[in-house]
Amino acid sequence: MMRITEECLACGSCIDSCPVEAISEGDIYSIDQEKCENCGACVDTCPTGAIVED
């Protein structure tokens, strides 16, 4: 399961990389766990390392 931490800068990189549109905007972005396929594309594009796998 992927999770976005407080280090999120809300830059939008992860939204563009998600193939299933599981990421939502906000002060800190969030991942819809029902849509997420744990592909890791968002992890690779996050410039701050704010996306982690639990």
PDB file of N, CA and C in Angstrom:
ATOM      1  N   MET A   1       0.834  -1.175   0.000  1.00  0.00           N
ATOM      2  CA  MET A   1       0.000   0.000   0.000  1.00  0.00           C
ATOM      3  C   MET A   1       0.884   1.246   0.000  1.00  0.00           C
ATOM      4  N   MET A   2       0.626   2.174  -0.904  1.00  0.00           N
ATOM      5  CA  MET A   2       1.372   3.423  -1.003  1.00  0.00           C
ATOM      6  C   MET A   2       0.691   4.481  -0.139  1.00  0.00           C
ATOM      7  N   ARG A   3       1.524   5.379   0.419  1.00  0.00           N
ATOM      8  CA  ARG A   3       1.014   6.455   1.267  1.00  0.00           C
ATOM      9  C   ARG A   3       1.853   7.696   1.010  1.00  0.00           C
ATOM     10  N   ILE A   4       1.211   8.868   1.043  1.00  0.00           N
ATOM     11  CA  ILE A   4       1.913  10.128   0.856  1.00  0.00           C
ATOM     12  C   ILE A   4       2.092  10.775   2.225  1.00  0.00           C
ATOM     13  N   THR A   5       3.329  11.138   2.545  1.00  0.00           N
ATOM     14  CA  THR A   5       3.673  11.673   3.862  1.00  0.00           C
ATOM     15  C   THR A   5       3.656  13.206   3.873  1.00  0.00           C
ATOM     16  N   GLU A   6       3.942  13.767   5.030  1.00  0.00           N
ATOM     17  CA  GLU A   6       3.945  15.220   5.232  1.00  0.00           C
ATOM     18  C   GLU A   6       4.975  15.943   4.380  1.00  0.00           C
ATOM     19  N   GLU A   7       5.940  15.236   3.843  1.00  0.00           N
ATOM     20  CA  GLU A   7       6.963  15.859   3.010  1.00  0.00           C
ATOM     21  C   GLU A   7       6.419  16.295   1.643  1.00  0.00           C
ATOM     22  N   CYS A   8       5.163  15.942   1.352  1.00  0.00           N
ATOM     23  CA  CYS A   8       4.529  16.288   0.074  1.00  0.00           C
ATOM     24  C   CYS A   8       4.513  17.803  -0.124  1.00  0.00           C
ATOM     25  N   LEU A   9       4.980  18.240  -1.300  1.00  0.00           N
ATOM     26  CA  LEU A   9       4.982  19.659  -1.662  1.00  0.00           C
ATOM     27  C   LEU A   9       3.799  20.021  -2.557  1.00  0.00           C
ATOM     28  N   ALA A  10       2.944  19.058  -2.859  1.00  0.00           N
ATOM     29  CA  ALA A  10       1.791  19.257  -3.750  1.00  0.00           C
ATOM     30  C   ALA A  10       2.234  19.785  -5.117  1.00  0.00           C
ATOM     31  N   CYS A  11       3.304  19.207  -5.645  1.00  0.00           N
ATOM     32  CA  CYS A  11       3.864  19.666  -6.922  1.00  0.00           C
ATOM     33  C   CYS A  11       3.122  19.095  -8.131  1.00  0.00           C
ATOM     34  N   GLY A  12       2.425  17.970  -7.953  1.00  0.00           N
ATOM     35  CA  GLY A  12       1.658  17.379  -9.042  1.00  0.00           C
ATOM     36  C   GLY A  12       2.372  16.320  -9.848  1.00  0.00           C
ATOM     37  N   SER A  13       3.634  16.083  -9.588  1.00  0.00           N
ATOM     38  CA  SER A  13       4.381  15.077 -10.362  1.00  0.00           C
ATOM     39  C   SER A  13       3.731  13.703 -10.283  1.00  0.00           C
ATOM     40  N   CYS A  14       3.279  13.331  -9.115  1.00  0.00           N
ATOM     41  CA  CYS A  14       2.710  11.999  -8.921  1.00  0.00           C
ATOM     42  C   CYS A  14       1.377  11.827  -9.649  1.00  0.00           C
ATOM     43  N   ILE A  15       0.586  12.878  -9.703  1.00  0.00           N
ATOM     44  CA  ILE A  15      -0.713  12.789 -10.385  1.00  0.00           C
ATOM     45  C   ILE A  15      -0.504  12.436 -11.849  1.00  0.00           C
ATOM     46  N   ASP A  16       0.439  13.102 -12.482  1.00  0.00           N
ATOM     47  CA  ASP A  16       0.709  12.851 -13.898  1.00  0.00           C
ATOM     48  C   ASP A  16       1.267  11.458 -14.149  1.00  0.00           C
ATOM     49  N   SER A  17       1.928  10.874 -13.156  1.00  0.00           N
ATOM     50  CA  SER A  17       2.556   9.562 -13.355  1.00  0.00           C
ATOM     51  C   SER A  17       1.631   8.390 -13.047  1.00  0.00           C
ATOM     52  N   CYS A  18       0.530   8.632 -12.351  1.00  0.00           N
ATOM     53  CA  CYS A  18      -0.352   7.527 -11.927  1.00  0.00           C
ATOM     54  C   CYS A  18      -1.221   7.034 -13.083  1.00  0.00           C
ATOM     55  N   PRO A  19      -1.057   5.771 -13.485  1.00  0.00           N
ATOM     56  CA  PRO A  19      -1.812   5.251 -14.622  1.00  0.00           C
ATOM     57  C   PRO A  19      -3.291   4.972 -14.319  1.00  0.00           C
ATOM     58  N   VAL A  20      -3.668   4.936 -13.055  1.00  0.00           N
ATOM     59  CA  VAL A  20      -5.062   4.623 -12.699  1.00  0.00           C
ATOM     60  C   VAL A  20      -5.769   5.790 -12.012  1.00  0.00           C
ATOM     61  N   GLU A  21      -5.147   6.971 -12.022  1.00  0.00           N
ATOM     62  CA  GLU A  21      -5.733   8.186 -11.453  1.00  0.00           C
ATOM     63  C   GLU A  21      -6.168   7.992 -10.001  1.00  0.00           C
ATOM     64  N   ALA A  22      -5.277   7.409  -9.199  1.00  0.00           N
ATOM     65  CA  ALA A  22      -5.590   7.119  -7.797  1.00  0.00           C
ATOM     66  C   ALA A  22      -5.179   8.238  -6.845  1.00  0.00           C
ATOM     67  N   ILE A  23      -4.538   9.292  -7.359  1.00  0.00           N
ATOM     68  CA  ILE A  23      -4.016  10.354  -6.495  1.00  0.00           C
ATOM     69  C   ILE A  23      -4.882  11.592  -6.607  1.00  0.00           C
ATOM     70  N   SER A  24      -5.216  12.172  -5.440  1.00  0.00           N
ATOM     71  CA  SER A  24      -6.045  13.372  -5.380  1.00  0.00           C
ATOM     72  C   SER A  24      -5.251  14.545  -4.831  1.00  0.00           C
ATOM     73  N   GLU A  25      -5.584  15.737  -5.333  1.00  0.00           N
ATOM     74  CA  GLU A  25      -4.911  16.956  -4.889  1.00  0.00           C
ATOM     75  C   GLU A  25      -5.392  17.375  -3.506  1.00  0.00           C
ATOM     76  N   GLY A  26      -4.559  18.169  -2.837  1.00  0.00           N
ATOM     77  CA  GLY A  26      -4.866  18.727  -1.536  1.00  0.00           C
ATOM     78  C   GLY A  26      -3.618  19.388  -0.993  1.00  0.00           C
ATOM     79  N   ASP A  27      -3.669  19.892   0.238  1.00  0.00           N
ATOM     80  CA  ASP A  27      -2.461  20.466   0.845  1.00  0.00           C
ATOM     81  C   ASP A  27      -1.362  19.412   0.853  1.00  0.00           C
ATOM     82  N   ILE A  28      -1.748  18.203   1.215  1.00  0.00           N
ATOM     83  CA  ILE A  28      -0.918  17.008   1.060  1.00  0.00           C
ATOM     84  C   ILE A  28      -1.756  16.066   0.209  1.00  0.00           C
ATOM     85  N   TYR A  29      -1.213  15.617  -0.898  1.00  0.00           N
ATOM     86  CA  TYR A  29      -1.973  14.755  -1.800  1.00  0.00           C
ATOM     87  C   TYR A  29      -2.303  13.436  -1.106  1.00  0.00           C
ATOM     88  N   SER A  30      -3.305  12.745  -1.628  1.00  0.00           N
ATOM     89  CA  SER A  30      -3.695  11.464  -1.036  1.00  0.00           C
ATOM     90  C   SER A  30      -3.872  10.422  -2.132  1.00  0.00           C
ATOM     91  N   ILE A  31      -3.749   9.162  -1.729  1.00  0.00           N
ATOM     92  CA  ILE A  31      -3.877   8.042  -2.657  1.00  0.00           C
ATOM     93  C   ILE A  31      -5.119   7.237  -2.288  1.00  0.00           C
ATOM     94  N   ASP A  32      -5.982   7.029  -3.262  1.00  0.00           N
ATOM     95  CA  ASP A  32      -7.182   6.197  -3.079  1.00  0.00           C
ATOM     96  C   ASP A  32      -6.719   4.745  -3.104  1.00  0.00           C
ATOM     97  N   GLN A  33      -6.754   4.105  -1.958  1.00  0.00           N
ATOM     98  CA  GLN A  33      -6.241   2.742  -1.834  1.00  0.00           C
ATOM     99  C   GLN A  33      -7.039   1.724  -2.644  1.00  0.00           C
ATOM    100  N   GLU A  34      -8.296   2.022  -2.936  1.00  0.00           N
ATOM    101  CA  GLU A  34      -9.100   1.102  -3.733  1.00  0.00           C
ATOM    102  C   GLU A  34      -8.715   1.138  -5.207  1.00  0.00           C
ATOM    103  N   LYS A  35      -8.204   2.268  -5.677  1.00  0.00           N
ATOM    104  CA  LYS A  35      -7.773   2.394  -7.073  1.00  0.00           C
ATOM    105  C   LYS A  35      -6.305   2.027  -7.267  1.00  0.00           C
ATOM    106  N   CYS A  36      -5.475   2.295  -6.267  1.00  0.00           N
ATOM    107  CA  CYS A  36      -4.030   2.117  -6.371  1.00  0.00           C
ATOM    108  C   CYS A  36      -3.660   0.663  -6.665  1.00  0.00           C
ATOM    109  N   GLU A  37      -2.771   0.483  -7.644  1.00  0.00           N
ATOM    110  CA  GLU A  37      -2.305  -0.858  -8.016  1.00  0.00           C
ATOM    111  C   GLU A  37      -0.887  -1.122  -7.520  1.00  0.00           C
ATOM    112  N   ASN A  38      -0.346  -0.233  -6.684  1.00  0.00           N
ATOM    113  CA  ASN A  38       1.001  -0.374  -6.124  1.00  0.00           C
ATOM    114  C   ASN A  38       2.067  -0.566  -7.196  1.00  0.00           C
ATOM    115  N   CYS A  39       1.932   0.152  -8.300  1.00  0.00           N
ATOM    116  CA  CYS A  39       2.897   0.003  -9.388  1.00  0.00           C
ATOM    117  C   CYS A  39       4.216   0.726  -9.104  1.00  0.00           C
ATOM    118  N   GLY A  40       4.171   1.748  -8.222  1.00  0.00           N
ATOM    119  CA  GLY A  40       5.388   2.459  -7.866  1.00  0.00           C
ATOM    120  C   GLY A  40       5.745   3.621  -8.771  1.00  0.00           C
ATOM    121  N   ALA A  41       4.941   3.900  -9.785  1.00  0.00           N
ATOM    122  CA  ALA A  41       5.246   5.009 -10.696  1.00  0.00           C
ATOM    123  C   ALA A  41       5.317   6.332  -9.948  1.00  0.00           C
ATOM    124  N   CYS A  42       4.448   6.529  -8.992  1.00  0.00           N
ATOM    125  CA  CYS A  42       4.435   7.787  -8.226  1.00  0.00           C
ATOM    126  C   CYS A  42       5.681   7.918  -7.360  1.00  0.00           C
ATOM    127  N   VAL A  43       6.142   6.819  -6.813  1.00  0.00           N
ATOM    128  CA  VAL A  43       7.337   6.824  -5.969  1.00  0.00           C
ATOM    129  C   VAL A  43       8.535   7.308  -6.782  1.00  0.00           C
ATOM    130  N   ASP A  44       8.641   6.817  -7.996  1.00  0.00           N
ATOM    131  CA  ASP A  44       9.769   7.165  -8.854  1.00  0.00           C
ATOM    132  C   ASP A  44       9.773   8.627  -9.280  1.00  0.00           C
ATOM    133  N   THR A  45       8.608   9.273  -9.327  1.00  0.00           N
ATOM    134  CA  THR A  45       8.538  10.654  -9.798  1.00  0.00           C
ATOM    135  C   THR A  45       8.519  11.693  -8.667  1.00  0.00           C
ATOM    136  N   CYS A  46       8.337  11.279  -7.437  1.00  0.00           N
ATOM    137  CA  CYS A  46       8.248  12.236  -6.322  1.00  0.00           C
ATOM    138  C   CYS A  46       9.622  12.832  -6.012  1.00  0.00           C
ATOM    139  N   PRO A  47       9.763  14.166  -6.157  1.00  0.00           N
ATOM    140  CA  PRO A  47      11.076  14.778  -5.939  1.00  0.00           C
ATOM    141  C   PRO A  47      11.519  14.848  -4.476  1.00  0.00           C
ATOM    142  N   THR A  48      10.587  14.664  -3.548  1.00  0.00           N
ATOM    143  CA  THR A  48      10.943  14.756  -2.124  1.00  0.00           C
ATOM    144  C   THR A  48      10.936  13.413  -1.409  1.00  0.00           C
ATOM    145  N   GLY A  49      10.598  12.349  -2.115  1.00  0.00           N
ATOM    146  CA  GLY A  49      10.522  11.040  -1.480  1.00  0.00           C
ATOM    147  C   GLY A  49       9.358  10.938  -0.508  1.00  0.00           C
ATOM    148  N   ALA A  50       8.290  11.700  -0.763  1.00  0.00           N
ATOM    149  CA  ALA A  50       7.150  11.758   0.153  1.00  0.00           C
ATOM    150  C   ALA A  50       6.198  10.574   0.015  1.00  0.00           C
ATOM    151  N   ILE A  51       6.404   9.731  -0.989  1.00  0.00           N
ATOM    152  CA  ILE A  51       5.526   8.582  -1.176  1.00  0.00           C
ATOM    153  C   ILE A  51       6.264   7.338  -0.731  1.00  0.00           C
ATOM    154  N   VAL A  52       5.659   6.636   0.217  1.00  0.00           N
ATOM    155  CA  VAL A  52       6.290   5.451   0.790  1.00  0.00           C
ATOM    156  C   VAL A  52       5.339   4.256   0.706  1.00  0.00           C
ATOM    157  N   GLU A  53       5.908   3.097   0.751  1.00  0.00           N
ATOM    158  CA  GLU A  53       5.108   1.879   0.769  1.00  0.00           C
ATOM    159  C   GLU A  53       5.047   1.366   2.206  1.00  0.00           C
ATOM    160  N   ASP A  54       3.830   1.143   2.675  1.00  0.00           N
ATOM    161  CA  ASP A  54       3.622   0.609   4.039  1.00  0.00           C
ATOM    162  C   ASP A  54       3.587  -0.899   4.026  1.00  0.00           C
TER     163      ASP A  54
END
